[in-house]
Amino acid sequence: MSFAPQELEAAALALSRTKRAELARRLIESLDDEDLISAAWKDEAQERVDSFRNGSVESVSAEDVLREARAVAAP
């Protein structure tokens, strides 16, 4: 059975707020390729670890980060 996009939209908008939110979540999830996303994050994490280990990025202590953030946020 096939529905026109306008019919699907009308039916979806007739749902309760909770049901629309669930439908939206499921539709968005259907667009994601979990394996592709997981692989991309794994690659990104490995690149960051490699950069740290080979010294191409400098680490910053949590205290320094928080001190700078507080200084920027202070009026």
PDB file of N, CA and C in Angstrom:
ATOM      1  N   MET A   1       0.846  -1.171   0.000  1.00  0.00           N
ATOM      2  CA  MET A   1       0.000   0.000   0.000  1.00  0.00           C
ATOM      3  C   MET A   1       0.889   1.230   0.000  1.00  0.00           C
ATOM      4  N   SER A   2       0.576   2.192  -0.822  1.00  0.00           N
ATOM      5  CA  SER A   2       1.363   3.401  -0.967  1.00  0.00           C
ATOM      6  C   SER A   2       0.510   4.626  -0.653  1.00  0.00           C
ATOM      7  N   PHE A   3       1.118   5.579   0.005  1.00  0.00           N
ATOM      8  CA  PHE A   3       0.435   6.812   0.361  1.00  0.00           C
ATOM      9  C   PHE A   3       1.167   7.983  -0.276  1.00  0.00           C
ATOM     10  N   ALA A   4       0.426   8.991  -0.647  1.00  0.00           N
ATOM     11  CA  ALA A   4       1.039  10.224  -1.137  1.00  0.00           C
ATOM     12  C   ALA A   4       1.708  10.917   0.039  1.00  0.00           C
ATOM     13  N   PRO A   5       2.825  11.636  -0.197  1.00  0.00           N
ATOM     14  CA  PRO A   5       3.508  12.334   0.900  1.00  0.00           C
ATOM     15  C   PRO A   5       2.582  13.243   1.692  1.00  0.00           C
ATOM     16  N   GLN A   6       1.636  13.888   1.024  1.00  0.00           N
ATOM     17  CA  GLN A   6       0.711  14.785   1.727  1.00  0.00           C
ATOM     18  C   GLN A   6      -0.188  14.004   2.676  1.00  0.00           C
ATOM     19  N   GLU A   7      -0.576  12.794   2.278  1.00  0.00           N
ATOM     20  CA  GLU A   7      -1.416  11.955   3.145  1.00  0.00           C
ATOM     21  C   GLU A   7      -0.625  11.504   4.367  1.00  0.00           C
ATOM     22  N   LEU A   8       0.634  11.132   4.154  1.00  0.00           N
ATOM     23  CA  LEU A   8       1.474  10.718   5.282  1.00  0.00           C
ATOM     24  C   LEU A   8       1.686  11.881   6.250  1.00  0.00           C
ATOM     25  N   GLU A   9       1.938  13.050   5.687  1.00  0.00           N
ATOM     26  CA  GLU A   9       2.147  14.227   6.527  1.00  0.00           C
ATOM     27  C   GLU A   9       0.901  14.536   7.345  1.00  0.00           C
ATOM     28  N   ALA A  10      -0.252  14.511   6.727  1.00  0.00           N
ATOM     29  CA  ALA A  10      -1.504  14.802   7.426  1.00  0.00           C
ATOM     30  C   ALA A  10      -1.738  13.780   8.535  1.00  0.00           C
ATOM     31  N   ALA A  11      -1.489  12.512   8.228  1.00  0.00           N
ATOM     32  CA  ALA A  11      -1.680  11.466   9.238  1.00  0.00           C
ATOM     33  C   ALA A  11      -0.700  11.657  10.399  1.00  0.00           C
ATOM     34  N   ALA A  12       0.542  12.004  10.073  1.00  0.00           N
ATOM     35  CA  ALA A  12       1.548  12.198  11.121  1.00  0.00           C
ATOM     36  C   ALA A  12       1.184  13.386  12.004  1.00  0.00           C
ATOM     37  N   LEU A  13       0.744  14.463  11.406  1.00  0.00           N
ATOM     38  CA  LEU A  13       0.390  15.654  12.175  1.00  0.00           C
ATOM     39  C   LEU A  13      -0.851  15.443  13.035  1.00  0.00           C
ATOM     40  N   ALA A  14      -1.655  14.451  12.708  1.00  0.00           N
ATOM     41  CA  ALA A  14      -2.843  14.147  13.506  1.00  0.00           C
ATOM     42  C   ALA A  14      -2.492  13.346  14.759  1.00  0.00           C
ATOM     43  N   LEU A  15      -1.269  12.844  14.835  1.00  0.00           N
ATOM     44  CA  LEU A  15      -0.838  12.067  16.004  1.00  0.00           C
ATOM     45  C   LEU A  15      -0.641  12.981  17.204  1.00  0.00           C
ATOM     46  N   SER A  16      -0.623  12.373  18.377  1.00  0.00           N
ATOM     47  CA  SER A  16      -0.324  13.135  19.590  1.00  0.00           C
ATOM     48  C   SER A  16       1.124  13.613  19.530  1.00  0.00           C
ATOM     49  N   ARG A  17       1.433  14.578  20.358  1.00  0.00           N
ATOM     50  CA  ARG A  17       2.801  15.126  20.416  1.00  0.00           C
ATOM     51  C   ARG A  17       3.816  14.023  20.697  1.00  0.00           C
ATOM     52  N   THR A  18       3.504  13.136  21.627  1.00  0.00           N
ATOM     53  CA  THR A  18       4.401  12.039  21.983  1.00  0.00           C
ATOM     54  C   THR A  18       4.618  11.100  20.806  1.00  0.00           C
ATOM     55  N   LYS A  19       3.538  10.745  20.131  1.00  0.00           N
ATOM     56  CA  LYS A  19       3.650   9.835  18.982  1.00  0.00           C
ATOM     57  C   LYS A  19       4.412  10.494  17.836  1.00  0.00           C
ATOM     58  N   ARG A  20       4.203  11.805  17.631  1.00  0.00           N
ATOM     59  CA  ARG A  20       4.945  12.512  16.573  1.00  0.00           C
ATOM     60  C   ARG A  20       6.438  12.528  16.887  1.00  0.00           C
ATOM     61  N   ALA A  21       6.767  12.753  18.155  1.00  0.00           N
ATOM     62  CA  ALA A  21       8.179  12.764  18.554  1.00  0.00           C
ATOM     63  C   ALA A  21       8.812  11.394  18.320  1.00  0.00           C
ATOM     64  N   GLU A  22       8.100  10.339  18.678  1.00  0.00           N
ATOM     65  CA  GLU A  22       8.608   8.981  18.462  1.00  0.00           C
ATOM     66  C   GLU A  22       8.783   8.705  16.971  1.00  0.00           C
ATOM     67  N   LEU A  23       7.819   9.108  16.175  1.00  0.00           N
ATOM     68  CA  LEU A  23       7.913   8.918  14.727  1.00  0.00           C
ATOM     69  C   LEU A  23       9.090   9.701  14.162  1.00  0.00           C
ATOM     70  N   ALA A  24       9.261  10.928  14.600  1.00  0.00           N
ATOM     71  CA  ALA A  24      10.383  11.747  14.119  1.00  0.00           C
ATOM     72  C   ALA A  24      11.708  11.094  14.478  1.00  0.00           C
ATOM     73  N   ARG A  25      11.824  10.604  15.709  1.00  0.00           N
ATOM     74  CA  ARG A  25      13.061   9.937  16.142  1.00  0.00           C
ATOM     75  C   ARG A  25      13.351   8.739  15.260  1.00  0.00           C
ATOM     76  N   ARG A  26      12.328   7.924  15.012  1.00  0.00           N
ATOM     77  CA  ARG A  26      12.520   6.714  14.204  1.00  0.00           C
ATOM     78  C   ARG A  26      12.877   7.055  12.761  1.00  0.00           C
ATOM     79  N   LEU A  27      12.265   8.097  12.221  1.00  0.00           N
ATOM     80  CA  LEU A  27      12.582   8.508  10.849  1.00  0.00           C
ATOM     81  C   LEU A  27      14.026   9.003  10.748  1.00  0.00           C
ATOM     82  N   ILE A  28      14.446   9.810  11.717  1.00  0.00           N
ATOM     83  CA  ILE A  28      15.815  10.315  11.710  1.00  0.00           C
ATOM     84  C   ILE A  28      16.810   9.168  11.866  1.00  0.00           C
ATOM     85  N   GLU A  29      16.517   8.250  12.771  1.00  0.00           N
ATOM     86  CA  GLU A  29      17.396   7.095  12.942  1.00  0.00           C
ATOM     87  C   GLU A  29      17.513   6.277  11.661  1.00  0.00           C
ATOM     88  N   SER A  30      16.427   6.220  10.890  1.00  0.00           N
ATOM     89  CA  SER A  30      16.459   5.438   9.658  1.00  0.00           C
ATOM     90  C   SER A  30      17.385   6.055   8.620  1.00  0.00           C
ATOM     91  N   LEU A  31      17.709   7.345   8.788  1.00  0.00           N
ATOM     92  CA  LEU A  31      18.617   8.018   7.864  1.00  0.00           C
ATOM     93  C   LEU A  31      20.079   7.795   8.231  1.00  0.00           C
ATOM     94  N   ASP A  32      20.339   7.460   9.470  1.00  0.00           N
ATOM     95  CA  ASP A  32      21.701   7.268   9.940  1.00  0.00           C
ATOM     96  C   ASP A  32      22.214   5.889   9.579  1.00  0.00           C
ATOM     97  N   ASP A  33      23.443   5.846   9.139  1.00  0.00           N
ATOM     98  CA  ASP A  33      24.119   4.578   8.922  1.00  0.00           C
ATOM     99  C   ASP A  33      25.033   4.380  10.118  1.00  0.00           C
ATOM    100  N   GLU A  34      24.551   3.632  11.109  1.00  0.00           N
ATOM    101  CA  GLU A  34      25.270   3.476  12.364  1.00  0.00           C
ATOM    102  C   GLU A  34      26.686   2.975  12.173  1.00  0.00           C
ATOM    103  N   ASP A  35      26.869   2.003  11.298  1.00  0.00           N
ATOM    104  CA  ASP A  35      28.206   1.461  11.084  1.00  0.00           C
ATOM    105  C   ASP A  35      29.141   2.523  10.523  1.00  0.00           C
ATOM    106  N   LEU A  36      28.643   3.317   9.591  1.00  0.00           N
ATOM    107  CA  LEU A  36      29.452   4.374   8.999  1.00  0.00           C
ATOM    108  C   LEU A  36      29.803   5.425  10.040  1.00  0.00           C
ATOM    109  N   ILE A  37      28.828   5.821  10.843  1.00  0.00           N
ATOM    110  CA  ILE A  37      29.064   6.821  11.877  1.00  0.00           C
ATOM    111  C   ILE A  37      30.034   6.284  12.919  1.00  0.00           C
ATOM    112  N   SER A  38      29.834   5.055  13.361  1.00  0.00           N
ATOM    113  CA  SER A  38      30.727   4.458  14.351  1.00  0.00           C
ATOM    114  C   SER A  38      32.150   4.385  13.820  1.00  0.00           C
ATOM    115  N   ALA A  39      32.307   4.004  12.570  1.00  0.00           N
ATOM    116  CA  ALA A  39      33.633   3.913  11.964  1.00  0.00           C
ATOM    117  C   ALA A  39      34.284   5.291  11.889  1.00  0.00           C
ATOM    118  N   ALA A  40      33.497   6.297  11.539  1.00  0.00           N
ATOM    119  CA  ALA A  40      34.038   7.656  11.438  1.00  0.00           C
ATOM    120  C   ALA A  40      34.511   8.148  12.801  1.00  0.00           C
ATOM    121  N   TRP A  41      33.722   7.897  13.855  1.00  0.00           N
ATOM    122  CA  TRP A  41      34.132   8.317  15.199  1.00  0.00           C
ATOM    123  C   TRP A  41      35.343   7.529  15.672  1.00  0.00           C
ATOM    124  N   LYS A  42      35.403   6.261  15.336  1.00  0.00           N
ATOM    125  CA  LYS A  42      36.561   5.450  15.709  1.00  0.00           C
ATOM    126  C   LYS A  42      37.815   6.003  15.040  1.00  0.00           C
ATOM    127  N   ASP A  43      37.705   6.340  13.747  1.00  0.00           N
ATOM    128  CA  ASP A  43      38.844   6.926  13.027  1.00  0.00           C
ATOM    129  C   ASP A  43      39.259   8.255  13.639  1.00  0.00           C
ATOM    130  N   GLU A  44      38.273   9.095  13.964  1.00  0.00           N
ATOM    131  CA  GLU A  44      38.559  10.397  14.564  1.00  0.00           C
ATOM    132  C   GLU A  44      39.262  10.231  15.908  1.00  0.00           C
ATOM    133  N   ALA A  45      38.764   9.319  16.724  1.00  0.00           N
ATOM    134  CA  ALA A  45      39.377   9.079  18.035  1.00  0.00           C
ATOM    135  C   ALA A  45      40.811   8.595  17.873  1.00  0.00           C
ATOM    136  N   GLN A  46      41.035   7.701  16.924  1.00  0.00           N
ATOM    137  CA  GLN A  46      42.390   7.181  16.702  1.00  0.00           C
ATOM    138  C   GLN A  46      43.326   8.295  16.230  1.00  0.00           C
ATOM    139  N   GLU A  47      42.838   9.160  15.353  1.00  0.00           N
ATOM    140  CA  GLU A  47      43.653  10.290  14.886  1.00  0.00           C
ATOM    141  C   GLU A  47      44.032  11.204  16.051  1.00  0.00           C
ATOM    142  N   ARG A  48      43.087  11.438  16.953  1.00  0.00           N
ATOM    143  CA  ARG A  48      43.377  12.301  18.101  1.00  0.00           C
ATOM    144  C   ARG A  48      44.397  11.661  19.034  1.00  0.00           C
ATOM    145  N   VAL A  49      44.267  10.367  19.265  1.00  0.00           N
ATOM    146  CA  VAL A  49      45.229   9.653  20.114  1.00  0.00           C
ATOM    147  C   VAL A  49      46.611   9.692  19.467  1.00  0.00           C
ATOM    148  N   ASP A  50      46.668   9.421  18.170  1.00  0.00           N
ATOM    149  CA  ASP A  50      47.944   9.438  17.454  1.00  0.00           C
ATOM    150  C   ASP A  50      48.590  10.818  17.516  1.00  0.00           C
ATOM    151  N   SER A  51      47.795  11.874  17.342  1.00  0.00           N
ATOM    152  CA  SER A  51      48.319  13.240  17.403  1.00  0.00           C
ATOM    153  C   SER A  51      48.885  13.549  18.777  1.00  0.00           C
ATOM    154  N   PHE A  52      48.208  13.099  19.806  1.00  0.00           N
ATOM    155  CA  PHE A  52      48.687  13.307  21.168  1.00  0.00           C
ATOM    156  C   PHE A  52      49.990  12.550  21.396  1.00  0.00           C
ATOM    157  N   ARG A  53      50.007  11.290  20.975  1.00  0.00           N
ATOM    158  CA  ARG A  53      51.196  10.455  21.201  1.00  0.00           C
ATOM    159  C   ARG A  53      52.414  10.934  20.419  1.00  0.00           C
ATOM    160  N   ASN A  54      52.219  11.426  19.196  1.00  0.00           N
ATOM    161  CA  ASN A  54      53.374  11.847  18.409  1.00  0.00           C
ATOM    162  C   ASN A  54      53.762  13.302  18.682  1.00  0.00           C
ATOM    163  N   GLY A  55      53.047  13.957  19.587  1.00  0.00           N
ATOM    164  CA  GLY A  55      53.408  15.295  20.011  1.00  0.00           C
ATOM    165  C   GLY A  55      52.969  16.410  19.080  1.00  0.00           C
ATOM    166  N   SER A  56      52.123  16.109  18.105  1.00  0.00           N
ATOM    167  CA  SER A  56      51.686  17.165  17.195  1.00  0.00           C
ATOM    168  C   SER A  56      50.605  18.052  17.806  1.00  0.00           C
ATOM    169  N   VAL A  57      50.045  17.629  18.931  1.00  0.00           N
ATOM    170  CA  VAL A  57      49.139  18.485  19.698  1.00  0.00           C
ATOM    171  C   VAL A  57      49.625  18.508  21.138  1.00  0.00           C
ATOM    172  N   GLU A  58      49.394  19.617  21.772  1.00  0.00           N
ATOM    173  CA  GLU A  58      49.828  19.782  23.152  1.00  0.00           C
ATOM    174  C   GLU A  58      48.637  19.577  24.087  1.00  0.00           C
ATOM    175  N   SER A  59      48.855  18.853  25.154  1.00  0.00           N
ATOM    176  CA  SER A  59      47.772  18.662  26.114  1.00  0.00           C
ATOM    177  C   SER A  59      47.685  19.882  27.026  1.00  0.00           C
ATOM    178  N   VAL A  60      46.507  20.097  27.562  1.00  0.00           N
ATOM    179  CA  VAL A  60      46.261  21.203  28.477  1.00  0.00           C
ATOM    180  C   VAL A  60      45.576  20.614  29.699  1.00  0.00           C
ATOM    181  N   SER A  61      46.046  20.992  30.867  1.00  0.00           N
ATOM    182  CA  SER A  61      45.461  20.440  32.087  1.00  0.00           C
ATOM    183  C   SER A  61      44.033  20.931  32.274  1.00  0.00           C
ATOM    184  N   ALA A  62      43.252  20.140  32.975  1.00  0.00           N
ATOM    185  CA  ALA A  62      41.870  20.520  33.262  1.00  0.00           C
ATOM    186  C   ALA A  62      41.828  21.818  34.058  1.00  0.00           C
ATOM    187  N   GLU A  63      42.770  21.984  34.982  1.00  0.00           N
ATOM    188  CA  GLU A  63      42.809  23.219  35.775  1.00  0.00           C
ATOM    189  C   GLU A  63      42.996  24.434  34.879  1.00  0.00           C
ATOM    190  N   ASP A  64      43.910  24.334  33.896  1.00  0.00           N
ATOM    191  CA  ASP A  64      44.144  25.454  32.988  1.00  0.00           C
ATOM    192  C   ASP A  64      42.914  25.749  32.135  1.00  0.00           C
ATOM    193  N   VAL A  65      42.272  24.707  31.651  1.00  0.00           N
ATOM    194  CA  VAL A  65      41.074  24.886  30.831  1.00  0.00           C
ATOM    195  C   VAL A  65      39.985  25.569  31.647  1.00  0.00           C
ATOM    196  N   LEU A  66      39.753  25.091  32.868  1.00  0.00           N
ATOM    197  CA  LEU A  66      38.718  25.674  33.719  1.00  0.00           C
ATOM    198  C   LEU A  66      39.056  27.110  34.109  1.00  0.00           C
ATOM    199  N   ARG A  67      40.318  27.375  34.412  1.00  0.00           N
ATOM    200  CA  ARG A  67      40.747  28.738  34.773  1.00  0.00           C
ATOM    201  C   ARG A  67      40.467  29.682  33.597  1.00  0.00           C
ATOM    202  N   GLU A  68      40.834  29.267  32.399  1.00  0.00           N
ATOM    203  CA  GLU A  68      40.599  30.113  31.228  1.00  0.00           C
ATOM    204  C   GLU A  68      39.104  30.297  30.960  1.00  0.00           C
ATOM    205  N   ALA A  69      38.328  29.243  31.108  1.00  0.00           N
ATOM    206  CA  ALA A  69      36.881  29.334  30.881  1.00  0.00           C
ATOM    207  C   ALA A  69      36.245  30.288  31.892  1.00  0.00           C
ATOM    208  N   ARG A  70      36.682  30.190  33.124  1.00  0.00           N
ATOM    209  CA  ARG A  70      36.133  31.093  34.157  1.00  0.00           C
ATOM    210  C   ARG A  70      36.509  32.534  33.890  1.00  0.00           C
ATOM    211  N   ALA A  71      37.728  32.745  33.403  1.00  0.00           N
ATOM    212  CA  ALA A  71      38.179  34.118  33.118  1.00  0.00           C
ATOM    213  C   ALA A  71      37.372  34.712  31.963  1.00  0.00           C
ATOM    214  N   VAL A  72      37.079  33.921  30.973  1.00  0.00           N
ATOM    215  CA  VAL A  72      36.305  34.392  29.828  1.00  0.00           C
ATOM    216  C   VAL A  72      34.864  34.658  30.235  1.00  0.00           C
ATOM    217  N   ALA A  73      34.320  33.798  31.109  1.00  0.00           N
ATOM    218  CA  ALA A  73      32.915  33.906  31.504  1.00  0.00           C
ATOM    219  C   ALA A  73      32.675  34.989  32.555  1.00  0.00           C
ATOM    220  N   ALA A  74      33.724  35.369  33.251  1.00  0.00           N
ATOM    221  CA  ALA A  74      33.558  36.358  34.321  1.00  0.00           C
ATOM    222  C   ALA A  74      33.231  37.728  33.735  1.00  0.00           C
ATOM    223  N   PRO A  75      32.274  38.424  34.381  1.00  0.00           N
ATOM    224  CA  PRO A  75      31.879  39.763  33.885  1.00  0.00           C
ATOM    225  C   PRO A  75      32.956  40.801  34.153  1.00  0.00           C
TER     226      PRO A  75
END
